[in-house]
Protein backbone atom coordinates (compact mmCIF):
# COMPACT_ATOMS: atom_id res chain seq x y z
CA MET A 1 -151.06 -31.86 -12.27
CA MET A 2 -152.95 -31.71 -8.89
CA GLN A 3 -156.83 -31.64 -8.24
CA SER A 4 -158.09 -28.73 -6.14
CA LEU A 5 -160.67 -29.77 -3.61
CA GLN A 6 -162.68 -27.53 -0.87
CA TYR A 7 -162.68 -29.19 2.45
CA PRO A 8 -165.41 -27.92 5.12
CA VAL A 9 -163.88 -26.24 8.42
CA SER A 10 -165.03 -26.99 11.90
CA ASN A 11 -163.54 -23.45 13.20
CA GLY A 12 -165.01 -20.27 11.62
CA PRO A 13 -166.14 -19.54 8.24
CA SER A 14 -164.52 -21.16 5.22
CA SER A 15 -162.27 -19.53 2.64
CA GLN A 16 -160.55 -19.84 -0.40
CA LEU A 17 -157.48 -21.36 1.50
CA ASN A 18 -159.19 -24.10 2.70
CA THR A 19 -158.41 -26.39 -0.07
CA VAL A 20 -156.27 -29.43 -0.51
CA GLU A 21 -154.47 -30.25 -3.77
CA VAL A 22 -154.86 -33.91 -4.60
CA TYR A 23 -152.60 -36.45 -6.96
CA ILE A 24 -153.09 -39.99 -7.44
CA PRO A 25 -150.53 -41.57 -9.75
CA LYS A 26 -152.31 -43.40 -12.72
CA GLU A 27 -150.16 -46.31 -12.88
CA ASN A 28 -149.27 -48.05 -9.61
CA THR A 29 -147.87 -51.50 -9.00
CA PRO A 30 -149.58 -53.80 -6.63
CA ALA A 31 -148.70 -53.41 -3.05
CA GLU A 32 -146.48 -56.21 -1.51
CA GLU A 33 -148.55 -58.86 -0.09
CA GLY A 34 -149.69 -58.27 3.50
CA LYS A 35 -148.94 -54.40 3.02
CA SER A 36 -150.92 -51.45 1.76
CA ARG A 37 -149.24 -48.26 0.44
CA PRO A 38 -149.34 -45.29 2.31
CA TRP A 39 -150.63 -41.79 1.18
CA LEU A 40 -148.22 -38.77 1.61
CA VAL A 41 -149.88 -35.56 2.96
CA PHE A 42 -147.83 -32.28 2.87
CA ILE A 43 -148.09 -29.10 4.89
CA HIS A 44 -146.57 -26.02 3.24
CA GLY A 45 -144.40 -23.44 5.40
CA GLY A 46 -144.49 -19.54 5.05
CA GLY A 47 -144.23 -18.52 8.59
CA TRP A 48 -147.79 -19.19 9.14
CA ARG A 49 -148.62 -15.99 6.93
CA SER A 50 -147.13 -15.72 3.69
CA PRO A 51 -149.37 -15.86 0.71
CA SER A 52 -146.68 -16.71 -1.90
CA VAL A 53 -145.97 -20.04 -0.27
CA LEU A 54 -149.12 -22.46 -0.54
CA ALA A 55 -150.00 -26.08 -1.30
CA THR A 56 -148.76 -25.68 -4.91
CA SER A 57 -145.16 -25.54 -3.62
CA PHE A 58 -145.19 -29.39 -3.30
CA VAL A 59 -145.55 -29.24 -7.46
CA PRO A 60 -141.74 -29.60 -7.88
CA THR A 61 -141.31 -32.14 -5.53
CA LEU A 62 -144.04 -34.23 -7.00
CA ARG A 63 -142.82 -33.71 -10.73
CA LEU A 64 -139.41 -35.16 -9.39
CA LEU A 65 -141.06 -38.03 -7.70
CA GLU A 66 -143.16 -38.91 -10.90
CA SER A 67 -139.70 -38.58 -13.13
CA SER A 68 -137.60 -40.62 -10.39
CA SER A 69 -136.14 -43.78 -11.59
CA GLU A 70 -136.43 -45.07 -7.80
CA LEU A 71 -139.77 -46.90 -8.95
CA PRO A 72 -139.89 -49.54 -6.26
CA GLN A 73 -139.99 -46.58 -3.42
CA LEU A 74 -142.14 -44.50 -5.62
CA SER A 75 -144.72 -47.18 -5.95
CA ARG A 76 -145.29 -47.55 -2.38
CA ILE A 77 -147.21 -44.17 -2.15
CA ALA A 78 -150.73 -44.66 -2.99
CA GLY A 79 -151.54 -41.03 -3.40
CA TYR A 80 -150.44 -37.45 -2.77
CA ALA A 81 -152.07 -34.53 -1.03
CA SER A 82 -150.97 -30.96 -0.23
CA VAL A 83 -152.80 -28.92 2.07
CA ASN A 84 -153.72 -25.17 2.14
CA TYR A 85 -154.88 -23.45 5.64
CA ARG A 86 -155.98 -20.14 6.85
CA LEU A 87 -153.15 -17.64 7.50
CA SER A 88 -152.14 -15.14 9.86
CA PRO A 89 -152.20 -11.33 8.99
CA TYR A 90 -149.19 -10.37 6.93
CA PRO A 91 -150.11 -6.24 6.10
CA SER A 92 -146.63 -5.74 5.52
CA HIS A 93 -146.17 -8.29 2.65
CA PRO A 94 -144.40 -6.42 -0.19
CA ILE A 95 -146.71 -7.87 -3.13
CA ALA A 96 -149.80 -8.87 -1.53
CA PRO A 97 -150.50 -7.38 1.57
CA SER A 98 -153.60 -8.86 3.84
CA GLU A 99 -156.32 -6.95 4.21
CA PRO A 100 -158.42 -6.90 7.50
CA GLY A 101 -161.75 -8.14 6.01
CA ASP A 102 -160.06 -11.18 4.24
CA PRO A 103 -161.24 -14.56 6.18
CA ALA A 104 -158.36 -16.34 4.49
CA ARG A 105 -155.71 -14.31 6.06
CA ASN A 106 -156.64 -13.02 9.45
CA VAL A 107 -156.44 -15.93 11.65
CA GLN A 108 -154.21 -16.88 14.65
CA HIS A 109 -153.21 -20.04 16.60
CA PRO A 110 -154.87 -22.80 16.67
CA THR A 111 -156.88 -21.97 13.55
CA HIS A 112 -153.92 -23.22 11.53
CA VAL A 113 -153.83 -26.71 12.99
CA LEU A 114 -157.44 -27.07 13.03
CA ASP A 115 -157.57 -26.50 9.37
CA VAL A 116 -155.04 -29.02 8.91
CA LEU A 117 -156.77 -31.46 11.14
CA ASP A 118 -160.01 -30.86 9.14
CA SER A 119 -158.15 -31.47 5.74
CA LEU A 120 -157.00 -34.89 7.01
CA ALA A 121 -160.32 -35.59 8.20
CA PHE A 122 -161.97 -34.55 4.53
CA LEU A 123 -159.19 -36.73 2.86
CA GLN A 124 -159.58 -39.99 5.36
CA GLU A 125 -163.22 -39.64 4.71
CA ASN A 126 -163.13 -39.57 0.82
CA TYR A 127 -160.12 -41.54 0.20
CA GLY A 128 -160.34 -44.10 3.01
CA PHE A 129 -156.68 -44.16 3.99
CA GLY A 130 -157.25 -43.91 7.76
CA LYS A 131 -154.03 -43.81 9.54
CA ASN A 132 -152.23 -45.39 6.56
CA TYR A 133 -150.34 -42.09 5.53
CA ILE A 134 -147.11 -39.90 6.17
CA LEU A 135 -147.64 -36.27 7.17
CA ALA A 136 -144.60 -34.06 5.94
CA GLY A 137 -144.24 -30.53 6.47
CA HIS A 138 -141.53 -27.85 5.63
CA SER A 139 -140.73 -24.78 8.12
CA ALA A 140 -143.97 -23.78 9.73
CA GLY A 141 -145.65 -27.01 7.90
CA ALA A 142 -143.46 -29.15 10.04
CA THR A 143 -144.25 -27.24 13.14
CA LEU A 144 -148.04 -28.08 12.13
CA ALA A 145 -147.38 -31.62 11.62
CA TRP A 146 -145.83 -32.26 14.96
CA GLN A 147 -148.83 -30.27 16.46
CA VAL A 148 -151.07 -32.90 14.59
CA VAL A 149 -149.18 -35.64 16.33
CA MET A 150 -149.33 -33.74 19.74
CA ASN A 151 -153.04 -34.32 19.57
CA ARG A 152 -153.78 -31.26 21.89
CA TRP A 153 -156.08 -29.49 19.65
CA ARG A 154 -159.65 -30.94 19.10
CA ARG A 155 -161.90 -30.38 16.12
CA PRO A 156 -165.53 -30.38 16.63
CA SER A 157 -167.55 -33.13 14.49
CA ARG A 158 -170.17 -32.32 12.44
CA VAL A 159 -173.71 -33.79 12.64
CA LYS A 160 -175.46 -34.61 8.95
CA ASP A 161 -176.81 -30.81 8.72
CA GLY A 162 -173.31 -29.89 9.27
CA SER A 163 -173.75 -28.25 12.51
CA PRO A 164 -171.15 -29.14 15.39
CA SER A 165 -172.13 -31.99 17.56
CA SER A 166 -171.57 -32.23 21.41
CA ARG A 167 -168.16 -34.45 21.00
CA ASP A 168 -164.85 -33.81 19.69
CA GLU A 169 -163.68 -35.86 16.79
CA ASN A 170 -160.00 -35.97 15.35
CA PRO A 171 -158.61 -37.54 12.37
CA PHE A 172 -156.40 -40.76 12.59
CA LEU A 173 -152.80 -39.75 13.25
CA PRO A 174 -150.26 -40.78 10.81
CA LEU A 175 -147.73 -43.63 10.63
CA GLY A 176 -144.79 -41.42 10.33
CA ILE A 177 -143.71 -37.69 9.89
CA ILE A 178 -141.29 -35.68 7.92
CA CYS A 179 -139.90 -32.47 9.02
CA LEU A 180 -138.09 -30.51 6.86
CA ALA A 181 -136.36 -27.04 7.91
CA GLY A 182 -138.72 -27.13 10.84
CA ILE A 183 -139.36 -24.82 14.01
CA TYR A 184 -139.67 -26.93 17.07
CA ASP A 185 -139.08 -23.98 19.66
CA LEU A 186 -140.97 -20.86 19.13
CA GLY A 187 -139.48 -19.10 21.86
CA ALA A 188 -135.82 -20.09 21.01
CA LEU A 189 -136.40 -18.79 17.56
CA HIS A 190 -137.60 -15.69 18.77
CA ASP A 191 -134.48 -15.37 21.17
CA ARG A 192 -132.00 -16.19 18.64
CA HIS A 193 -133.29 -13.42 16.08
CA THR A 194 -133.77 -10.54 18.12
CA ASP A 195 -131.65 -8.43 15.70
CA ASN A 196 -134.51 -9.03 12.92
CA PRO A 197 -137.92 -7.80 13.62
CA MET A 198 -139.36 -10.10 11.04
CA TYR A 199 -139.39 -12.86 13.48
CA GLU A 200 -141.02 -10.95 16.29
CA ASP A 201 -143.68 -9.86 13.80
CA MET A 202 -144.20 -13.36 12.35
CA LEU A 203 -144.64 -15.07 15.89
CA TYR A 204 -146.76 -12.65 17.67
CA GLY A 205 -148.95 -12.39 14.68
CA ALA A 206 -149.64 -16.10 14.42
CA PHE A 207 -149.24 -16.70 18.30
CA PRO A 208 -150.21 -13.44 20.03
CA GLY A 209 -149.93 -15.07 23.62
CA GLY A 210 -145.99 -14.53 23.77
CA PRO A 211 -143.56 -16.82 25.14
CA GLY A 212 -145.81 -18.30 27.71
CA THR A 213 -147.98 -19.75 24.98
CA TRP A 214 -144.99 -20.68 22.85
CA SER A 215 -143.72 -22.72 25.26
CA SER A 216 -146.56 -24.82 25.45
CA ILE A 217 -147.40 -25.38 21.85
CA SER A 218 -143.70 -26.10 20.81
CA PRO A 219 -142.81 -29.74 20.00
CA SER A 220 -139.38 -29.72 21.50
CA THR A 221 -140.56 -28.15 24.90
CA TRP A 222 -143.55 -30.61 24.89
CA LEU A 223 -141.14 -33.47 24.37
CA SER A 224 -138.50 -32.32 27.09
CA GLY A 225 -141.17 -31.66 29.53
CA SER A 226 -143.32 -34.78 29.15
CA PRO A 227 -141.26 -38.19 28.91
CA GLY A 228 -143.36 -40.84 27.48
CA ILE A 229 -146.01 -38.84 26.27
CA LEU A 230 -145.28 -39.80 22.70
CA ASP A 231 -146.36 -43.26 23.16
CA LYS A 232 -149.63 -42.09 24.85
CA VAL A 233 -150.85 -39.65 22.13
CA TRP A 234 -149.24 -41.27 19.19
CA PRO A 235 -149.21 -45.26 19.86
CA ASN A 236 -149.39 -45.88 16.06
CA GLY A 237 -146.34 -43.66 15.18
CA ARG A 238 -143.38 -45.60 13.51
CA LEU A 239 -141.27 -42.97 12.00
CA ILE A 240 -140.07 -39.41 12.66
CA LEU A 241 -137.63 -38.22 9.95
CA VAL A 242 -136.22 -34.86 10.69
CA GLY A 243 -134.18 -33.18 7.71
CA HIS A 244 -132.08 -30.04 8.03
CA SER A 245 -129.75 -27.94 5.93
CA ARG A 246 -126.47 -26.41 7.37
CA ASP A 247 -127.08 -23.75 4.84
CA ASP A 248 -130.47 -22.73 5.99
CA GLU A 249 -130.07 -19.01 6.51
CA LEU A 250 -133.71 -18.58 8.25
CA VAL A 251 -133.88 -21.47 10.59
CA GLU A 252 -131.10 -22.53 12.81
CA GLU A 253 -129.67 -26.02 13.06
CA GLU A 254 -130.18 -26.02 16.49
CA GLN A 255 -133.73 -26.42 16.02
CA ALA A 256 -133.38 -29.82 14.57
CA LEU A 257 -130.49 -30.71 17.08
CA GLU A 258 -132.64 -29.72 20.35
CA LEU A 259 -135.83 -31.54 18.98
CA MET A 260 -133.39 -34.71 18.42
CA GLN A 261 -132.11 -34.52 22.06
CA ALA A 262 -135.90 -34.15 23.12
CA LEU A 263 -136.71 -37.44 21.34
CA LYS A 264 -134.04 -39.30 23.24
CA LYS A 265 -136.37 -39.38 26.09
CA HIS A 266 -138.71 -41.19 23.87
CA ASP A 267 -136.98 -42.98 20.83
CA ASN A 268 -133.59 -44.48 20.07
CA ALA A 269 -133.00 -41.21 17.82
CA THR A 270 -129.98 -41.41 15.44
CA ASP A 271 -128.55 -39.15 12.79
CA ASP A 272 -127.83 -40.17 9.15
CA SER A 273 -124.55 -41.94 10.02
CA ASN A 274 -126.52 -44.16 12.47
CA ASP A 275 -124.71 -42.39 15.39
CA ASN A 276 -126.50 -41.87 18.57
CA ILE A 277 -127.21 -38.27 18.61
CA SER A 278 -126.40 -37.47 22.18
CA GLY A 279 -123.49 -39.88 22.17
CA GLN A 280 -125.10 -42.21 24.59
CA ASP A 281 -124.80 -46.04 24.25
CA ALA A 282 -128.35 -46.97 22.43
CA ALA A 283 -128.17 -50.18 24.82
CA SER A 284 -128.27 -48.29 28.14
CA ASP A 285 -130.65 -45.28 27.12
CA GLY A 286 -133.34 -46.56 29.19
CA LEU A 287 -135.76 -47.20 26.18
CA SER A 288 -137.75 -50.27 26.05
CA LYS A 289 -136.89 -52.84 23.36
CA GLU A 290 -140.55 -52.42 21.91
CA THR A 291 -140.06 -48.61 21.68
CA LYS A 292 -136.90 -48.88 19.61
CA GLU A 293 -138.21 -51.49 17.26
CA ARG A 294 -141.50 -49.72 16.80
CA ARG A 295 -140.46 -46.30 16.20
CA ILE A 296 -137.55 -44.77 14.35
CA SER A 297 -136.57 -41.07 14.96
CA LYS A 298 -133.66 -40.02 12.45
CA LEU A 299 -131.90 -36.64 11.67
CA VAL A 300 -130.81 -36.25 8.15
CA TRP A 301 -128.53 -33.48 7.05
CA ILE A 302 -129.99 -32.25 3.83
CA GLN A 303 -128.58 -29.62 1.27
CA GLY A 304 -129.73 -25.87 0.08
CA TYR A 305 -131.23 -22.76 1.52
CA HIS A 306 -134.57 -22.59 3.26
CA ASP A 307 -136.61 -22.15 0.29
CA ASP A 308 -134.80 -24.32 -1.87
CA ILE A 309 -136.18 -27.43 -0.10
CA PHE A 310 -139.72 -26.68 -1.79
CA GLU A 311 -138.56 -24.77 -4.82
CA GLN A 312 -136.08 -27.36 -5.98
CA GLY A 313 -137.85 -30.31 -4.42
CA HIS A 314 -134.80 -32.89 -4.45
CA GLU A 315 -134.30 -32.74 -0.98
CA MET A 316 -137.69 -33.12 -0.17
CA ALA A 317 -138.33 -35.98 -2.62
CA LYS A 318 -135.15 -37.90 -1.38
CA MET A 319 -136.84 -37.83 2.33
CA ILE A 320 -140.20 -38.96 0.89
CA LEU A 321 -138.49 -41.79 -0.85
CA MET A 322 -136.44 -42.61 2.39
CA ALA A 323 -139.53 -42.88 4.34
CA ALA A 324 -141.40 -44.93 1.97
CA GLU A 325 -138.53 -47.42 2.13
CA LEU A 326 -137.97 -47.39 5.85
CA LEU A 327 -141.83 -47.85 6.67
CA ASN A 328 -141.86 -50.86 3.87
CA GLU A 329 -138.94 -52.51 5.90
CA ALA A 330 -140.39 -51.92 9.32
């Protein structure tokens, strides 16, 4: 259903996981006058290390979108891409443990986000959509989507012979992001699950610097500590959709709630009933009219266990259709 393409990397040797799955709908209605359809780029989760959750995890969602009766919203997406990236070691995986010499499964931060940036640059170069795309992620993929928007990690650009140039060059940032069952505070995730060694193994395997490093690269702490930074680093951002299920058995709902509280310093953040998250009157929250009108930040309560979101695809498809509709109306 999707075409697998290899993308070049700017950080270390390429691997079998440096691929992106692409699907362009065969039949697409013309875009509305004055508007062009965005792309949807998905980043899978899997705790930065699982070999069983890869780019193909987007296929159930894509099948639902293709069979959806919501044709007006579906026709607003020009193309779909799902990104693979190199993984951190997972020697204890019960079925496919990582091997020390495997270049695809022995990296640590920031290689994950640099690979995502390389894949976006590849897609933008080959399909020409520039900043006209929505970046979606599930679990660790939602963290990576935020880290793209944070714009702190720089990929070296390449000259014609493929060697690094003397300047850094990042791809265009998206119009909006969709974050599903995401991890937005690494330290809080660790501290809330000290009774389960899986979390410590996962976090130290991907981010060996420990709590000091976790704080500086976590979206929630970055937002909380830098009021106004979002406008500076992501001036074209128009939409933030945060989806979380109260049935999620792996990532606690506080991750989403605390992210929305942090966004209150930047946006008029709302939940899916349009109530202000903090209970503060939107008219007196200190945000400029321009910021409120330009970017929407919204928490949506979805349904299902953690892996249901991509295995079944219904909630992810619902969020994508919502994002397409909101961007079309903006």
